[in-house]
Amino acid sequence: MEQILSQLIGGAVGGAAGGKFASGSNMGNIGNLIAGAVGGVGGGQLIGGLLGGAAGDAGGGLDIGAMAGNLVGGGVAGAIVQVVVGMIVNKMRSSGSS
């Protein structure tokens, strides 16, 4: 559960940052957060599967290294998904209003 939660938080933060720094991809605060959170969970699960599952138990405790990896992986994936989705949505909006 901590794995998905940290990916969700990391993705939301990455999506918010991606919307602010990539020109032409901003969808507003809520849109950026939603796209980033979805991308963070999806991308974090994909990265975790490819890297061999970084979510360890650490003897029943909380593995800080795995959580940091999930936050960073979710943040990067969330930013990428937000930028791509934001550019597509903004392009559709601009061509629809012409």
PDB file of N, CA and C in Angstrom:
ATOM      1  N   MET A   1       0.819  -1.201   0.000  1.00  0.00           N
ATOM      2  CA  MET A   1       0.000   0.000   0.000  1.00  0.00           C
ATOM      3  C   MET A   1       0.859   1.261   0.000  1.00  0.00           C
ATOM      4  N   GLU A   2       1.974   1.198   0.753  1.00  0.00           N
ATOM      5  CA  GLU A   2       2.861   2.364   0.800  1.00  0.00           C
ATOM      6  C   GLU A   2       3.481   2.637  -0.558  1.00  0.00           C
ATOM      7  N   GLN A   3       3.696   1.555  -1.328  1.00  0.00           N
ATOM      8  CA  GLN A   3       4.290   1.694  -2.643  1.00  0.00           C
ATOM      9  C   GLN A   3       3.398   2.529  -3.555  1.00  0.00           C
ATOM     10  N   ILE A   4       2.132   2.173  -3.631  1.00  0.00           N
ATOM     11  CA  ILE A   4       1.204   2.897  -4.508  1.00  0.00           C
ATOM     12  C   ILE A   4       0.989   4.316  -4.012  1.00  0.00           C
ATOM     13  N   LEU A   5       0.899   4.488  -2.702  1.00  0.00           N
ATOM     14  CA  LEU A   5       0.693   5.821  -2.144  1.00  0.00           C
ATOM     15  C   LEU A   5       1.878   6.736  -2.446  1.00  0.00           C
ATOM     16  N   SER A   6       3.090   6.218  -2.311  1.00  0.00           N
ATOM     17  CA  SER A   6       4.251   7.067  -2.607  1.00  0.00           C
ATOM     18  C   SER A   6       4.354   7.361  -4.097  1.00  0.00           C
ATOM     19  N   GLN A   7       3.958   6.415  -4.952  1.00  0.00           N
ATOM     20  CA  GLN A   7       3.946   6.681  -6.388  1.00  0.00           C
ATOM     21  C   GLN A   7       2.884   7.717  -6.737  1.00  0.00           C
ATOM     22  N   LEU A   8       1.740   7.641  -6.074  1.00  0.00           N
ATOM     23  CA  LEU A   8       0.658   8.604  -6.302  1.00  0.00           C
ATOM     24  C   LEU A   8       1.086  10.010  -5.910  1.00  0.00           C
ATOM     25  N   ILE A   9       1.703  10.138  -4.755  1.00  0.00           N
ATOM     26  CA  ILE A   9       2.165  11.449  -4.288  1.00  0.00           C
ATOM     27  C   ILE A   9       3.283  11.973  -5.187  1.00  0.00           C
ATOM     28  N   GLY A  10       4.249  11.112  -5.503  1.00  0.00           N
ATOM     29  CA  GLY A  10       5.340  11.519  -6.383  1.00  0.00           C
ATOM     30  C   GLY A  10       4.839  11.935  -7.756  1.00  0.00           C
ATOM     31  N   GLY A  11       3.857  11.185  -8.284  1.00  0.00           N
ATOM     32  CA  GLY A  11       3.292  11.511  -9.583  1.00  0.00           C
ATOM     33  C   GLY A  11       2.553  12.829  -9.581  1.00  0.00           C
ATOM     34  N   ALA A  12       1.807  13.090  -8.513  1.00  0.00           N
ATOM     35  CA  ALA A  12       1.086  14.363  -8.414  1.00  0.00           C
ATOM     36  C   ALA A  12       2.053  15.536  -8.362  1.00  0.00           C
ATOM     37  N   VAL A  13       3.120  15.384  -7.598  1.00  0.00           N
ATOM     38  CA  VAL A  13       4.124  16.452  -7.519  1.00  0.00           C
ATOM     39  C   VAL A  13       4.820  16.620  -8.873  1.00  0.00           C
ATOM     40  N   GLY A  14       5.159  15.495  -9.506  1.00  0.00           N
ATOM     41  CA  GLY A  14       5.793  15.560 -10.827  1.00  0.00           C
ATOM     42  C   GLY A  14       4.878  16.179 -11.870  1.00  0.00           C
ATOM     43  N   GLY A  15       3.582  15.864 -11.805  1.00  0.00           N
ATOM     44  CA  GLY A  15       2.625  16.445 -12.740  1.00  0.00           C
ATOM     45  C   GLY A  15       2.474  17.943 -12.548  1.00  0.00           C
ATOM     46  N   ALA A  16       2.438  18.372 -11.292  1.00  0.00           N
ATOM     47  CA  ALA A  16       2.337  19.807 -11.015  1.00  0.00           C
ATOM     48  C   ALA A  16       3.580  20.540 -11.512  1.00  0.00           C
ATOM     49  N   ALA A  17       4.754  19.938 -11.302  1.00  0.00           N
ATOM     50  CA  ALA A  17       5.993  20.560 -11.771  1.00  0.00           C
ATOM     51  C   ALA A  17       6.070  20.561 -13.287  1.00  0.00           C
ATOM     52  N   GLY A  18       5.652  19.471 -13.908  1.00  0.00           N
ATOM     53  CA  GLY A  18       5.684  19.396 -15.366  1.00  0.00           C
ATOM     54  C   GLY A  18       4.790  20.437 -16.012  1.00  0.00           C
ATOM     55  N   GLY A  19       3.628  20.687 -15.403  1.00  0.00           N
ATOM     56  CA  GLY A  19       2.715  21.690 -15.945  1.00  0.00           C
ATOM     57  C   GLY A  19       3.252  23.102 -15.836  1.00  0.00           C
ATOM     58  N   LYS A  20       4.056  23.348 -14.819  1.00  0.00           N
ATOM     59  CA  LYS A  20       4.595  24.700 -14.630  1.00  0.00           C
ATOM     60  C   LYS A  20       5.820  24.963 -15.500  1.00  0.00           C
ATOM     61  N   PHE A  21       6.625  23.930 -15.755  1.00  0.00           N
ATOM     62  CA  PHE A  21       7.903  24.155 -16.415  1.00  0.00           C
ATOM     63  C   PHE A  21       7.903  23.855 -17.911  1.00  0.00           C
ATOM     64  N   ALA A  22       6.995  23.012 -18.386  1.00  0.00           N
ATOM     65  CA  ALA A  22       6.953  22.694 -19.822  1.00  0.00           C
ATOM     66  C   ALA A  22       5.913  23.601 -20.482  1.00  0.00           C
ATOM     67  N   SER A  23       6.379  24.462 -21.352  1.00  0.00           N
ATOM     68  CA  SER A  23       5.451  25.396 -21.981  1.00  0.00           C
ATOM     69  C   SER A  23       4.503  24.647 -22.917  1.00  0.00           C
ATOM     70  N   GLY A  24       3.262  25.041 -22.897  1.00  0.00           N
ATOM     71  CA  GLY A  24       2.264  24.439 -23.757  1.00  0.00           C
ATOM     72  C   GLY A  24       1.639  23.166 -23.225  1.00  0.00           C
ATOM     73  N   SER A  25       1.950  22.790 -21.973  1.00  0.00           N
ATOM     74  CA  SER A  25       1.380  21.553 -21.442  1.00  0.00           C
ATOM     75  C   SER A  25       0.541  21.775 -20.186  1.00  0.00           C
ATOM     76  N   ASN A  26       0.408  23.001 -19.740  1.00  0.00           N
ATOM     77  CA  ASN A  26      -0.324  23.280 -18.510  1.00  0.00           C
ATOM     78  C   ASN A  26      -1.822  23.070 -18.717  1.00  0.00           C
ATOM     79  N   MET A  27      -2.437  22.251 -17.853  1.00  0.00           N
ATOM     80  CA  MET A  27      -3.878  21.989 -17.928  1.00  0.00           C
ATOM     81  C   MET A  27      -4.603  22.528 -16.701  1.00  0.00           C
ATOM     82  N   GLY A  28      -3.971  23.406 -15.959  1.00  0.00           N
ATOM     83  CA  GLY A  28      -4.540  23.888 -14.711  1.00  0.00           C
ATOM     84  C   GLY A  28      -4.084  22.996 -13.566  1.00  0.00           C
ATOM     85  N   ASN A  29      -4.230  23.476 -12.353  1.00  0.00           N
ATOM     86  CA  ASN A  29      -3.704  22.738 -11.198  1.00  0.00           C
ATOM     87  C   ASN A  29      -4.315  21.348 -11.054  1.00  0.00           C
ATOM     88  N   ILE A  30      -5.631  21.255 -11.129  1.00  0.00           N
ATOM     89  CA  ILE A  30      -6.296  19.960 -10.933  1.00  0.00           C
ATOM     90  C   ILE A  30      -5.953  19.002 -12.074  1.00  0.00           C
ATOM     91  N   GLY A  31      -5.964  19.485 -13.298  1.00  0.00           N
ATOM     92  CA  GLY A  31      -5.620  18.643 -14.445  1.00  0.00           C
ATOM     93  C   GLY A  31      -4.198  18.122 -14.365  1.00  0.00           C
ATOM     94  N   ASN A  32      -3.275  18.987 -13.965  1.00  0.00           N
ATOM     95  CA  ASN A  32      -1.882  18.574 -13.817  1.00  0.00           C
ATOM     96  C   ASN A  32      -1.737  17.514 -12.727  1.00  0.00           C
ATOM     97  N   LEU A  33      -2.422  17.720 -11.604  1.00  0.00           N
ATOM     98  CA  LEU A  33      -2.321  16.761 -10.502  1.00  0.00           C
ATOM     99  C   LEU A  33      -2.901  15.400 -10.880  1.00  0.00           C
ATOM    100  N   ILE A  34      -4.041  15.404 -11.554  1.00  0.00           N
ATOM    101  CA  ILE A  34      -4.676  14.136 -11.920  1.00  0.00           C
ATOM    102  C   ILE A  34      -3.825  13.386 -12.942  1.00  0.00           C
ATOM    103  N   ALA A  35      -3.387  14.075 -13.983  1.00  0.00           N
ATOM    104  CA  ALA A  35      -2.556  13.417 -15.000  1.00  0.00           C
ATOM    105  C   ALA A  35      -1.253  12.917 -14.390  1.00  0.00           C
ATOM    106  N   GLY A  36      -0.663  13.707 -13.517  1.00  0.00           N
ATOM    107  CA  GLY A  36       0.577  13.293 -12.871  1.00  0.00           C
ATOM    108  C   GLY A  36       0.387  12.114 -11.945  1.00  0.00           C
ATOM    109  N   ALA A  37      -0.703  12.101 -11.178  1.00  0.00           N
ATOM    110  CA  ALA A  37      -0.953  10.990 -10.256  1.00  0.00           C
ATOM    111  C   ALA A  37      -1.192   9.692 -11.014  1.00  0.00           C
ATOM    112  N   VAL A  38      -1.982   9.750 -12.082  1.00  0.00           N
ATOM    113  CA  VAL A  38      -2.230   8.551 -12.891  1.00  0.00           C
ATOM    114  C   VAL A  38      -0.924   8.071 -13.518  1.00  0.00           C
ATOM    115  N   GLY A  39      -0.154   8.996 -14.056  1.00  0.00           N
ATOM    116  CA  GLY A  39       1.132   8.628 -14.638  1.00  0.00           C
ATOM    117  C   GLY A  39       2.108   8.109 -13.607  1.00  0.00           C
ATOM    118  N   GLY A  40       2.065   8.675 -12.415  1.00  0.00           N
ATOM    119  CA  GLY A  40       2.969   8.226 -11.357  1.00  0.00           C
ATOM    120  C   GLY A  40       2.704   6.799 -10.942  1.00  0.00           C
ATOM    121  N   VAL A  41       1.433   6.443 -10.772  1.00  0.00           N
ATOM    122  CA  VAL A  41       1.098   5.075 -10.379  1.00  0.00           C
ATOM    123  C   VAL A  41       1.396   4.108 -11.522  1.00  0.00           C
ATOM    124  N   GLY A  42       0.946   4.453 -12.722  1.00  0.00           N
ATOM    125  CA  GLY A  42       1.184   3.573 -13.867  1.00  0.00           C
ATOM    126  C   GLY A  42       2.660   3.411 -14.176  1.00  0.00           C
ATOM    127  N   GLY A  43       3.354   4.514 -14.256  1.00  0.00           N
ATOM    128  CA  GLY A  43       4.789   4.459 -14.542  1.00  0.00           C
ATOM    129  C   GLY A  43       5.588   3.839 -13.414  1.00  0.00           C
ATOM    130  N   GLY A  44       5.184   4.102 -12.186  1.00  0.00           N
ATOM    131  CA  GLY A  44       5.872   3.502 -11.044  1.00  0.00           C
ATOM    132  C   GLY A  44       5.719   1.995 -11.017  1.00  0.00           C
ATOM    133  N   GLN A  45       4.536   1.507 -11.352  1.00  0.00           N
ATOM    134  CA  GLN A  45       4.319   0.063 -11.422  1.00  0.00           C
ATOM    135  C   GLN A  45       5.142  -0.539 -12.551  1.00  0.00           C
ATOM    136  N   LEU A  46       5.198   0.141 -13.690  1.00  0.00           N
ATOM    137  CA  LEU A  46       5.971  -0.346 -14.827  1.00  0.00           C
ATOM    138  C   LEU A  46       7.462  -0.374 -14.492  1.00  0.00           C
ATOM    139  N   ILE A  47       7.959   0.693 -13.905  1.00  0.00           N
ATOM    140  CA  ILE A  47       9.376   0.750 -13.537  1.00  0.00           C
ATOM    141  C   ILE A  47       9.690  -0.295 -12.480  1.00  0.00           C
ATOM    142  N   GLY A  48       8.807  -0.456 -11.499  1.00  0.00           N
ATOM    143  CA  GLY A  48       9.018  -1.464 -10.460  1.00  0.00           C
ATOM    144  C   GLY A  48       9.068  -2.870 -11.032  1.00  0.00           C
ATOM    145  N   GLY A  49       8.221  -3.150 -12.013  1.00  0.00           N
ATOM    146  CA  GLY A  49       8.233  -4.460 -12.651  1.00  0.00           C
ATOM    147  C   GLY A  49       9.492  -4.688 -13.473  1.00  0.00           C
ATOM    148  N   LEU A  50       9.960  -3.649 -14.146  1.00  0.00           N
ATOM    149  CA  LEU A  50      11.160  -3.780 -14.966  1.00  0.00           C
ATOM    150  C   LEU A  50      12.427  -3.904 -14.123  1.00  0.00           C
ATOM    151  N   LEU A  51      12.468  -3.201 -13.009  1.00  0.00           N
ATOM    152  CA  LEU A  51      13.662  -3.214 -12.170  1.00  0.00           C
ATOM    153  C   LEU A  51      13.657  -4.333 -11.139  1.00  0.00           C
ATOM    154  N   GLY A  52      12.616  -5.115 -11.108  1.00  0.00           N
ATOM    155  CA  GLY A  52      12.605  -6.239 -10.184  1.00  0.00           C
ATOM    156  C   GLY A  52      11.936  -5.936  -8.867  1.00  0.00           C
ATOM    157  N   GLY A  53      11.078  -4.968  -8.812  1.00  0.00           N
ATOM    158  CA  GLY A  53      10.309  -4.688  -7.599  1.00  0.00           C
ATOM    159  C   GLY A  53      11.157  -4.111  -6.482  1.00  0.00           C
ATOM    160  N   ALA A  54      11.240  -2.829  -6.418  1.00  0.00           N
ATOM    161  CA  ALA A  54      12.036  -2.149  -5.391  1.00  0.00           C
ATOM    162  C   ALA A  54      11.293  -2.009  -4.082  1.00  0.00           C
ATOM    163  N   ALA A  55      10.079  -2.539  -4.008  1.00  0.00           N
ATOM    164  CA  ALA A  55       9.288  -2.399  -2.783  1.00  0.00           C
ATOM    165  C   ALA A  55       9.571  -3.558  -1.852  1.00  0.00           C
ATOM    166  N   GLY A  56      10.515  -3.387  -0.967  1.00  0.00           N
ATOM    167  CA  GLY A  56      10.865  -4.440  -0.026  1.00  0.00           C
ATOM    168  C   GLY A  56      10.170  -4.246   1.298  1.00  0.00           C
ATOM    169  N   ASP A  57      10.151  -5.309   2.091  1.00  0.00           N
ATOM    170  CA  ASP A  57       9.515  -5.258   3.403  1.00  0.00           C
ATOM    171  C   ASP A  57      10.446  -4.745   4.487  1.00  0.00           C
ATOM    172  N   ALA A  58      11.711  -5.031   4.376  1.00  0.00           N
ATOM    173  CA  ALA A  58      12.702  -4.667   5.384  1.00  0.00           C
ATOM    174  C   ALA A  58      12.331  -5.237   6.736  1.00  0.00           C
ATOM    175  N   GLY A  59      12.004  -6.523   6.755  1.00  0.00           N
ATOM    176  CA  GLY A  59      11.692  -7.193   8.012  1.00  0.00           C
ATOM    177  C   GLY A  59      10.392  -6.733   8.626  1.00  0.00           C
ATOM    178  N   GLY A  60       9.419  -6.381   7.847  1.00  0.00           N
ATOM    179  CA  GLY A  60       8.132  -5.945   8.364  1.00  0.00           C
ATOM    180  C   GLY A  60       8.063  -4.461   8.657  1.00  0.00           C
ATOM    181  N   GLY A  61       9.187  -3.764   8.544  1.00  0.00           N
ATOM    182  CA  GLY A  61       9.205  -2.324   8.788  1.00  0.00           C
ATOM    183  C   GLY A  61       9.024  -1.551   7.501  1.00  0.00           C
ATOM    184  N   LEU A  62       9.354  -0.299   7.559  1.00  0.00           N
ATOM    185  CA  LEU A  62       9.212   0.586   6.406  1.00  0.00           C
ATOM    186  C   LEU A  62      10.574   0.763   5.758  1.00  0.00           C
ATOM    187  N   ASP A  63      10.694   0.414   4.495  1.00  0.00           N
ATOM    188  CA  ASP A  63      11.946   0.535   3.764  1.00  0.00           C
ATOM    189  C   ASP A  63      12.021   1.927   3.142  1.00  0.00           C
ATOM    190  N   ILE A  64      12.831   2.787   3.737  1.00  0.00           N
ATOM    191  CA  ILE A  64      12.921   4.178   3.290  1.00  0.00           C
ATOM    192  C   ILE A  64      13.518   4.270   1.885  1.00  0.00           C
ATOM    193  N   GLY A  65      14.486   3.417   1.573  1.00  0.00           N
ATOM    194  CA  GLY A  65      15.093   3.443   0.251  1.00  0.00           C
ATOM    195  C   GLY A  65      14.095   3.093  -0.842  1.00  0.00           C
ATOM    196  N   ALA A  66      13.273   2.081  -0.586  1.00  0.00           N
ATOM    197  CA  ALA A  66      12.259   1.692  -1.568  1.00  0.00           C
ATOM    198  C   ALA A  66      11.211   2.792  -1.718  1.00  0.00           C
ATOM    199  N   MET A  67      10.851   3.424  -0.610  1.00  0.00           N
ATOM    200  CA  MET A  67       9.857   4.497  -0.684  1.00  0.00           C
ATOM    201  C   MET A  67      10.411   5.689  -1.460  1.00  0.00           C
ATOM    202  N   ALA A  68      11.672   6.024  -1.236  1.00  0.00           N
ATOM    203  CA  ALA A  68      12.283   7.129  -1.986  1.00  0.00           C
ATOM    204  C   ALA A  68      12.351   6.793  -3.468  1.00  0.00           C
ATOM    205  N   GLY A  69      12.666   5.547  -3.786  1.00  0.00           N
ATOM    206  CA  GLY A  69      12.687   5.127  -5.180  1.00  0.00           C
ATOM    207  C   GLY A  69      11.320   5.221  -5.829  1.00  0.00           C
ATOM    208  N   ASN A  70      10.284   4.846  -5.079  1.00  0.00           N
ATOM    209  CA  ASN A  70       8.915   4.940  -5.593  1.00  0.00           C
ATOM    210  C   ASN A  70       8.493   6.391  -5.787  1.00  0.00           C
ATOM    211  N   LEU A  71       8.889   7.265  -4.864  1.00  0.00           N
ATOM    212  CA  LEU A  71       8.569   8.689  -5.003  1.00  0.00           C
ATOM    213  C   LEU A  71       9.229   9.278  -6.239  1.00  0.00           C
ATOM    214  N   VAL A  72      10.504   8.978  -6.428  1.00  0.00           N
ATOM    215  CA  VAL A  72      11.234   9.530  -7.572  1.00  0.00           C
ATOM    216  C   VAL A  72      10.707   8.933  -8.876  1.00  0.00           C
ATOM    217  N   GLY A  73      10.522   7.615  -8.900  1.00  0.00           N
ATOM    218  CA  GLY A  73       9.997   6.968 -10.105  1.00  0.00           C
ATOM    219  C   GLY A  73       8.617   7.470 -10.463  1.00  0.00           C
ATOM    220  N   GLY A  74       7.761   7.608  -9.452  1.00  0.00           N
ATOM    221  CA  GLY A  74       6.419   8.144  -9.691  1.00  0.00           C
ATOM    222  C   GLY A  74       6.455   9.584 -10.140  1.00  0.00           C
ATOM    223  N   GLY A  75       7.372  10.370  -9.583  1.00  0.00           N
ATOM    224  CA  GLY A  75       7.480  11.775  -9.967  1.00  0.00           C
ATOM    225  C   GLY A  75       7.929  11.954 -11.400  1.00  0.00           C
ATOM    226  N   VAL A  76       8.915  11.174 -11.801  1.00  0.00           N
ATOM    227  CA  VAL A  76       9.408  11.270 -13.177  1.00  0.00           C
ATOM    228  C   VAL A  76       8.327  10.810 -14.152  1.00  0.00           C
ATOM    229  N   ALA A  77       7.714   9.668 -13.858  1.00  0.00           N
ATOM    230  CA  ALA A  77       6.658   9.163 -14.743  1.00  0.00           C
ATOM    231  C   ALA A  77       5.465  10.116 -14.778  1.00  0.00           C
ATOM    232  N   GLY A  78       5.106  10.687 -13.629  1.00  0.00           N
ATOM    233  CA  GLY A  78       3.999  11.640 -13.581  1.00  0.00           C
ATOM    234  C   GLY A  78       4.271  12.885 -14.394  1.00  0.00           C
ATOM    235  N   ALA A  79       5.499  13.377 -14.336  1.00  0.00           N
ATOM    236  CA  ALA A  79       5.854  14.563 -15.123  1.00  0.00           C
ATOM    237  C   ALA A  79       5.805  14.266 -16.616  1.00  0.00           C
ATOM    238  N   ILE A  80       6.311  13.095 -17.006  1.00  0.00           N
ATOM    239  CA  ILE A  80       6.307  12.739 -18.428  1.00  0.00           C
ATOM    240  C   ILE A  80       4.883  12.605 -18.943  1.00  0.00           C
ATOM    241  N   VAL A  81       4.043  11.887 -18.205  1.00  0.00           N
ATOM    242  CA  VAL A  81       2.655  11.693 -18.645  1.00  0.00           C
ATOM    243  C   VAL A  81       1.918  13.031 -18.686  1.00  0.00           C
ATOM    244  N   GLN A  82       2.120  13.873 -17.696  1.00  0.00           N
ATOM    245  CA  GLN A  82       1.435  15.166 -17.667  1.00  0.00           C
ATOM    246  C   GLN A  82       1.833  16.021 -18.850  1.00  0.00           C
ATOM    247  N   VAL A  83       3.109  16.055 -19.186  1.00  0.00           N
ATOM    248  CA  VAL A  83       3.565  16.878 -20.308  1.00  0.00           C
ATOM    249  C   VAL A  83       2.972  16.364 -21.619  1.00  0.00           C
ATOM    250  N   VAL A  84       2.996  15.053 -21.821  1.00  0.00           N
ATOM    251  CA  VAL A  84       2.462  14.487 -23.065  1.00  0.00           C
ATOM    252  C   VAL A  84       0.955  14.733 -23.159  1.00  0.00           C
ATOM    253  N   VAL A  85       0.225  14.408 -22.098  1.00  0.00           N
ATOM    254  CA  VAL A  85      -1.228  14.594 -22.105  1.00  0.00           C
ATOM    255  C   VAL A  85      -1.579  16.080 -22.227  1.00  0.00           C
ATOM    256  N   GLY A  86      -0.850  16.930 -21.521  1.00  0.00           N
ATOM    257  CA  GLY A  86      -1.110  18.365 -21.583  1.00  0.00           C
ATOM    258  C   GLY A  86      -0.917  18.938 -22.972  1.00  0.00           C
ATOM    259  N   MET A  87       0.121  18.491 -23.656  1.00  0.00           N
ATOM    260  CA  MET A  87       0.348  18.981 -25.016  1.00  0.00           C
ATOM    261  C   MET A  87      -0.749  18.506 -25.969  1.00  0.00           C
ATOM    262  N   ILE A  88      -1.177  17.260 -25.802  1.00  0.00           N
ATOM    263  CA  ILE A  88      -2.250  16.734 -26.655  1.00  0.00           C
ATOM    264  C   ILE A  88      -3.552  17.492 -26.395  1.00  0.00           C
ATOM    265  N   VAL A  89      -3.903  17.653 -25.122  1.00  0.00           N
ATOM    266  CA  VAL A  89      -5.154  18.341 -24.774  1.00  0.00           C
ATOM    267  C   VAL A  89      -5.130  19.787 -25.257  1.00  0.00           C
ATOM    268  N   ASN A  90      -4.041  20.477 -25.037  1.00  0.00           N
ATOM    269  CA  ASN A  90      -3.950  21.877 -25.466  1.00  0.00           C
ATOM    270  C   ASN A  90      -3.965  22.001 -26.979  1.00  0.00           C
ATOM    271  N   LYS A  91      -3.369  21.048 -27.690  1.00  0.00           N
ATOM    272  CA  LYS A  91      -3.394  21.071 -29.152  1.00  0.00           C
ATOM    273  C   LYS A  91      -4.823  20.836 -29.644  1.00  0.00           C
ATOM    274  N   MET A  92      -5.541  19.921 -29.005  1.00  0.00           N
ATOM    275  CA  MET A  92      -6.937  19.661 -29.397  1.00  0.00           C
ATOM    276  C   MET A  92      -7.812  20.870 -29.104  1.00  0.00           C
ATOM    277  N   ARG A  93      -7.568  21.542 -27.989  1.00  0.00           N
ATOM    278  CA  ARG A  93      -8.344  22.740 -27.646  1.00  0.00           C
ATOM    279  C   ARG A  93      -8.104  23.858 -28.654  1.00  0.00           C
ATOM    280  N   SER A  94      -6.842  24.043 -29.042  1.00  0.00           N
ATOM    281  CA  SER A  94      -6.532  25.146 -29.956  1.00  0.00           C
ATOM    282  C   SER A  94      -7.027  24.855 -31.367  1.00  0.00           C
ATOM    283  N   SER A  95      -6.987  23.620 -31.812  1.00  0.00           N
ATOM    284  CA  SER A  95      -7.476  23.328 -33.159  1.00  0.00           C
ATOM    285  C   SER A  95      -8.999  23.252 -33.200  1.00  0.00           C
ATOM    286  N   GLY A  96      -9.626  22.973 -32.059  1.00  0.00           N
ATOM    287  CA  GLY A  96     -11.093  22.944 -31.998  1.00  0.00           C
ATOM    288  C   GLY A  96     -11.698  24.328 -31.962  1.00  0.00           C
ATOM    289  N   SER A  97     -10.970  25.309 -31.462  1.00  0.00           N
ATOM    290  CA  SER A  97     -11.511  26.667 -31.354  1.00  0.00           C
ATOM    291  C   SER A  97     -11.264  27.497 -32.605  1.00  0.00           C
ATOM    292  N   SER A  98     -10.459  26.981 -33.529  1.00  0.00           N
ATOM    293  CA  SER A  98     -10.142  27.732 -34.743  1.00  0.00           C
ATOM    294  C   SER A  98     -11.265  27.707 -35.736  1.00  0.00           C
TER     295      SER A  98
END
